Amino acid sequence: MNTNEQRVRRGARLLDQELPGWRSRVNSDSLDMGSSRRCVLGQCYGSYGSGIVSLGLTGSRLSRMSYGFRLREKHTWEDYELWQATWRKIIQEDS
């Protein structure tokens, strides 16, 4: 399992604890991790920012990255595509 997948799985576990049934709120077809409304947190909480606050991750970008909710500032298109694909995979695994 790569670091990206570990981070996303950590984020999914946090959502499992804090918002049981979150997967049913996420439309993976319209999932766009670059959008504050169509990302996982946006679809679950109304916006990325609301999700970050609700999950208590307002402290630093690193904490958001460690849960797979954010990529590092300088990333490639391939990084983004892998990140989004990993979230889709995790959502569909347990749906």
N, C-alpha and C. Protein backbone atom coordinates (compact mmCIF):
# COMPACT_ATOMS: atom_id res chain seq x y z
N MET A 1 0.85 -1.18 0.00
CA MET A 1 0.00 0.00 0.00
C MET A 1 0.89 1.23 0.00
N ASN A 2 0.63 2.16 -0.91
CA ASN A 2 1.45 3.36 -0.98
C ASN A 2 1.02 4.41 0.06
N THR A 3 1.82 5.42 0.22
CA THR A 3 1.54 6.46 1.21
C THR A 3 0.22 7.16 0.92
N ASN A 4 -0.06 7.42 -0.34
CA ASN A 4 -1.32 8.05 -0.72
C ASN A 4 -2.50 7.21 -0.22
N GLU A 5 -2.46 5.93 -0.46
CA GLU A 5 -3.56 5.06 -0.03
C GLU A 5 -3.64 5.00 1.49
N GLN A 6 -2.52 4.98 2.16
CA GLN A 6 -2.54 4.98 3.63
C GLN A 6 -3.23 6.22 4.17
N ARG A 7 -2.93 7.36 3.57
CA ARG A 7 -3.54 8.62 4.02
C ARG A 7 -5.05 8.60 3.78
N VAL A 8 -5.44 8.18 2.60
CA VAL A 8 -6.87 8.15 2.28
C VAL A 8 -7.59 7.16 3.20
N ARG A 9 -7.00 6.02 3.45
CA ARG A 9 -7.63 5.06 4.37
C ARG A 9 -7.75 5.64 5.78
N ARG A 10 -6.76 6.39 6.21
CA ARG A 10 -6.81 7.05 7.52
C ARG A 10 -7.98 8.04 7.54
N GLY A 11 -8.15 8.80 6.46
CA GLY A 11 -9.27 9.73 6.37
C GLY A 11 -10.61 9.01 6.37
N ALA A 12 -10.69 7.90 5.67
CA ALA A 12 -11.93 7.12 5.63
C ALA A 12 -12.27 6.57 7.01
N ARG A 13 -11.26 6.11 7.74
CA ARG A 13 -11.50 5.62 9.11
C ARG A 13 -12.00 6.75 10.01
N LEU A 14 -11.42 7.94 9.85
CA LEU A 14 -11.87 9.08 10.64
C LEU A 14 -13.34 9.39 10.31
N LEU A 15 -13.68 9.38 9.04
CA LEU A 15 -15.07 9.61 8.66
C LEU A 15 -15.98 8.50 9.18
N ASP A 16 -15.52 7.26 9.17
CA ASP A 16 -16.31 6.15 9.72
C ASP A 16 -16.66 6.41 11.18
N GLN A 17 -15.70 6.96 11.92
CA GLN A 17 -15.91 7.25 13.35
C GLN A 17 -16.81 8.46 13.56
N GLU A 18 -16.57 9.50 12.80
CA GLU A 18 -17.26 10.77 13.03
C GLU A 18 -18.58 10.93 12.27
N LEU A 19 -18.72 10.25 11.17
CA LEU A 19 -19.92 10.38 10.33
C LEU A 19 -20.28 9.03 9.73
N PRO A 20 -20.74 8.09 10.58
CA PRO A 20 -21.09 6.77 10.06
C PRO A 20 -22.05 6.88 8.87
N GLY A 21 -21.81 6.07 7.86
CA GLY A 21 -22.63 6.08 6.67
C GLY A 21 -22.24 7.15 5.65
N TRP A 22 -21.09 7.75 5.87
CA TRP A 22 -20.65 8.84 4.99
C TRP A 22 -20.55 8.44 3.53
N ARG A 23 -20.21 7.17 3.28
CA ARG A 23 -20.05 6.73 1.90
C ARG A 23 -21.34 6.88 1.09
N SER A 24 -22.48 6.71 1.73
CA SER A 24 -23.75 6.83 1.03
C SER A 24 -24.05 8.28 0.64
N ARG A 25 -23.35 9.22 1.21
CA ARG A 25 -23.54 10.64 0.89
C ARG A 25 -22.67 11.08 -0.30
N VAL A 26 -21.70 10.25 -0.66
CA VAL A 26 -20.74 10.65 -1.68
C VAL A 26 -21.09 10.01 -3.02
N ASN A 27 -21.25 10.85 -4.02
CA ASN A 27 -21.47 10.39 -5.39
C ASN A 27 -20.09 10.31 -6.03
N SER A 28 -19.57 9.12 -6.19
CA SER A 28 -18.21 8.98 -6.72
C SER A 28 -18.11 9.38 -8.19
N ASP A 29 -19.24 9.38 -8.91
CA ASP A 29 -19.22 9.82 -10.31
C ASP A 29 -18.94 11.32 -10.41
N SER A 30 -19.45 12.09 -9.47
CA SER A 30 -19.23 13.54 -9.51
C SER A 30 -18.11 13.98 -8.56
N LEU A 31 -17.46 13.01 -7.93
CA LEU A 31 -16.38 13.34 -7.00
C LEU A 31 -15.29 14.14 -7.71
N ASP A 32 -14.93 15.25 -7.11
CA ASP A 32 -13.85 16.09 -7.62
C ASP A 32 -13.09 16.61 -6.41
N MET A 33 -11.98 15.98 -6.12
CA MET A 33 -11.22 16.33 -4.92
C MET A 33 -10.62 17.73 -5.00
N GLY A 34 -10.68 18.34 -6.15
CA GLY A 34 -10.20 19.71 -6.30
C GLY A 34 -11.29 20.75 -6.06
N SER A 35 -12.50 20.30 -5.81
CA SER A 35 -13.64 21.20 -5.60
C SER A 35 -14.05 21.18 -4.13
N SER A 36 -14.28 22.34 -3.56
CA SER A 36 -14.65 22.40 -2.15
C SER A 36 -16.06 21.88 -1.90
N ARG A 37 -16.88 21.77 -2.93
CA ARG A 37 -18.25 21.26 -2.78
C ARG A 37 -18.42 19.82 -3.26
N ARG A 38 -17.59 19.40 -4.22
CA ARG A 38 -17.73 18.04 -4.77
C ARG A 38 -16.68 17.06 -4.25
N CYS A 39 -15.79 17.53 -3.38
CA CYS A 39 -14.82 16.62 -2.76
C CYS A 39 -15.56 15.77 -1.73
N VAL A 40 -14.87 14.83 -1.12
CA VAL A 40 -15.49 13.96 -0.11
C VAL A 40 -16.09 14.80 1.02
N LEU A 41 -15.32 15.73 1.56
CA LEU A 41 -15.83 16.54 2.67
C LEU A 41 -16.96 17.45 2.23
N GLY A 42 -16.86 18.00 1.04
CA GLY A 42 -17.93 18.85 0.52
C GLY A 42 -19.24 18.09 0.38
N GLN A 43 -19.16 16.88 -0.11
CA GLN A 43 -20.38 16.09 -0.28
C GLN A 43 -20.93 15.61 1.06
N CYS A 44 -20.08 15.44 2.04
CA CYS A 44 -20.53 14.97 3.36
C CYS A 44 -20.98 16.11 4.27
N TYR A 45 -20.29 17.25 4.20
CA TYR A 45 -20.53 18.34 5.14
C TYR A 45 -21.01 19.64 4.49
N GLY A 46 -21.14 19.67 3.18
CA GLY A 46 -21.58 20.88 2.51
C GLY A 46 -20.44 21.68 1.90
N SER A 47 -19.28 21.59 2.51
CA SER A 47 -18.08 22.24 1.97
C SER A 47 -16.85 21.63 2.62
N TYR A 48 -15.74 21.77 1.93
CA TYR A 48 -14.46 21.30 2.46
C TYR A 48 -14.19 21.95 3.81
N GLY A 49 -14.36 23.25 3.90
CA GLY A 49 -14.09 23.98 5.14
C GLY A 49 -14.95 23.52 6.30
N SER A 50 -16.23 23.28 6.05
CA SER A 50 -17.12 22.79 7.11
C SER A 50 -16.69 21.41 7.60
N GLY A 51 -16.25 20.58 6.66
CA GLY A 51 -15.77 19.24 7.03
C GLY A 51 -14.52 19.30 7.88
N ILE A 52 -13.59 20.18 7.50
CA ILE A 52 -12.35 20.34 8.26
C ILE A 52 -12.66 20.77 9.69
N VAL A 53 -13.56 21.73 9.83
CA VAL A 53 -13.95 22.20 11.17
C VAL A 53 -14.63 21.09 11.95
N SER A 54 -15.59 20.40 11.33
CA SER A 54 -16.33 19.33 12.01
C SER A 54 -15.42 18.19 12.46
N LEU A 55 -14.38 17.92 11.68
CA LEU A 55 -13.45 16.84 12.03
C LEU A 55 -12.31 17.30 12.94
N GLY A 56 -12.27 18.58 13.25
CA GLY A 56 -11.22 19.11 14.13
C GLY A 56 -9.85 19.15 13.49
N LEU A 57 -9.80 19.37 12.18
CA LEU A 57 -8.53 19.38 11.47
C LEU A 57 -8.12 20.78 11.03
N THR A 58 -8.47 21.77 11.81
CA THR A 58 -8.19 23.16 11.43
C THR A 58 -6.76 23.57 11.73
N GLY A 59 -6.03 22.78 12.48
CA GLY A 59 -4.68 23.15 12.93
C GLY A 59 -3.66 23.42 11.85
N SER A 60 -3.47 22.48 10.96
CA SER A 60 -2.42 22.66 9.95
C SER A 60 -2.76 21.89 8.69
N ARG A 61 -2.13 22.31 7.61
CA ARG A 61 -2.30 21.60 6.34
C ARG A 61 -1.77 20.19 6.43
N LEU A 62 -0.71 20.00 7.21
CA LEU A 62 -0.13 18.66 7.33
C LEU A 62 -1.13 17.66 7.89
N SER A 63 -1.93 18.08 8.86
CA SER A 63 -2.92 17.15 9.40
C SER A 63 -3.94 16.78 8.34
N ARG A 64 -4.35 17.74 7.51
CA ARG A 64 -5.30 17.46 6.44
C ARG A 64 -4.67 16.54 5.39
N MET A 65 -3.41 16.75 5.13
CA MET A 65 -2.70 15.87 4.19
C MET A 65 -2.58 14.46 4.75
N SER A 66 -2.32 14.34 6.05
CA SER A 66 -2.12 13.02 6.64
C SER A 66 -3.40 12.18 6.64
N TYR A 67 -4.56 12.84 6.47
CA TYR A 67 -5.83 12.12 6.37
C TYR A 67 -6.33 12.02 4.93
N GLY A 68 -5.51 12.44 3.99
CA GLY A 68 -5.87 12.32 2.59
C GLY A 68 -6.90 13.32 2.10
N PHE A 69 -7.13 14.39 2.87
CA PHE A 69 -8.10 15.39 2.46
C PHE A 69 -7.46 16.53 1.66
N ARG A 70 -6.15 16.52 1.58
CA ARG A 70 -5.42 17.59 0.88
C ARG A 70 -4.13 17.02 0.30
N LEU A 71 -3.73 17.54 -0.84
CA LEU A 71 -2.43 17.22 -1.44
C LEU A 71 -1.45 18.32 -1.05
N ARG A 72 -0.19 18.00 -1.18
CA ARG A 72 0.81 19.04 -0.92
C ARG A 72 0.65 20.16 -1.94
N GLU A 73 1.17 21.33 -1.61
CA GLU A 73 1.01 22.51 -2.48
C GLU A 73 1.48 22.24 -3.90
N LYS A 74 2.67 21.68 -4.03
CA LYS A 74 3.22 21.41 -5.37
C LYS A 74 3.01 19.94 -5.69
N HIS A 75 2.03 19.69 -6.53
CA HIS A 75 1.75 18.32 -6.94
C HIS A 75 1.54 18.29 -8.45
N THR A 76 1.68 17.11 -8.98
CA THR A 76 1.51 16.92 -10.41
C THR A 76 0.07 16.49 -10.71
N TRP A 77 -0.27 16.55 -11.97
CA TRP A 77 -1.58 16.06 -12.39
C TRP A 77 -1.71 14.57 -12.06
N GLU A 78 -0.63 13.83 -12.21
CA GLU A 78 -0.65 12.40 -11.88
C GLU A 78 -0.92 12.19 -10.40
N ASP A 79 -0.34 13.03 -9.53
CA ASP A 79 -0.62 12.95 -8.09
C ASP A 79 -2.11 13.13 -7.84
N TYR A 80 -2.66 14.16 -8.48
CA TYR A 80 -4.08 14.47 -8.31
C TYR A 80 -4.95 13.30 -8.78
N GLU A 81 -4.66 12.77 -9.95
CA GLU A 81 -5.43 11.65 -10.50
C GLU A 81 -5.38 10.42 -9.59
N LEU A 82 -4.20 10.12 -9.07
CA LEU A 82 -4.05 8.98 -8.15
C LEU A 82 -4.85 9.21 -6.87
N TRP A 83 -4.76 10.42 -6.34
CA TRP A 83 -5.48 10.78 -5.11
C TRP A 83 -6.99 10.60 -5.31
N GLN A 84 -7.51 11.13 -6.39
CA GLN A 84 -8.94 11.02 -6.66
C GLN A 84 -9.34 9.55 -6.89
N ALA A 85 -8.54 8.82 -7.64
CA ALA A 85 -8.83 7.41 -7.89
C ALA A 85 -8.81 6.60 -6.60
N THR A 86 -7.92 6.95 -5.70
CA THR A 86 -7.83 6.23 -4.43
C THR A 86 -9.08 6.47 -3.59
N TRP A 87 -9.55 7.72 -3.53
CA TRP A 87 -10.79 8.00 -2.81
C TRP A 87 -11.95 7.22 -3.43
N ARG A 88 -12.03 7.20 -4.74
CA ARG A 88 -13.12 6.44 -5.40
C ARG A 88 -13.06 4.96 -5.02
N LYS A 89 -11.86 4.42 -5.04
CA LYS A 89 -11.67 3.01 -4.68
C LYS A 89 -12.15 2.73 -3.26
N ILE A 90 -11.75 3.57 -2.33
CA ILE A 90 -12.11 3.38 -0.92
C ILE A 90 -13.62 3.52 -0.74
N ILE A 91 -14.22 4.48 -1.40
CA ILE A 91 -15.68 4.68 -1.29
C ILE A 91 -16.41 3.45 -1.80
N GLN A 92 -15.99 2.91 -2.92
CA GLN A 92 -16.68 1.78 -3.53
C GLN A 92 -16.40 0.46 -2.83
N GLU A 93 -15.28 0.36 -2.14
CA GLU A 93 -14.94 -0.89 -1.43
C GLU A 93 -15.99 -1.28 -0.43
N ASP A 94 -16.46 -0.33 0.32
CA ASP A 94 -17.36 -0.63 1.44
C ASP A 94 -18.77 -0.14 1.23
N SER A 95 -19.10 0.25 0.00
CA SER A 95 -20.46 0.74 -0.26
C SER A 95 -21.45 -0.38 -0.29
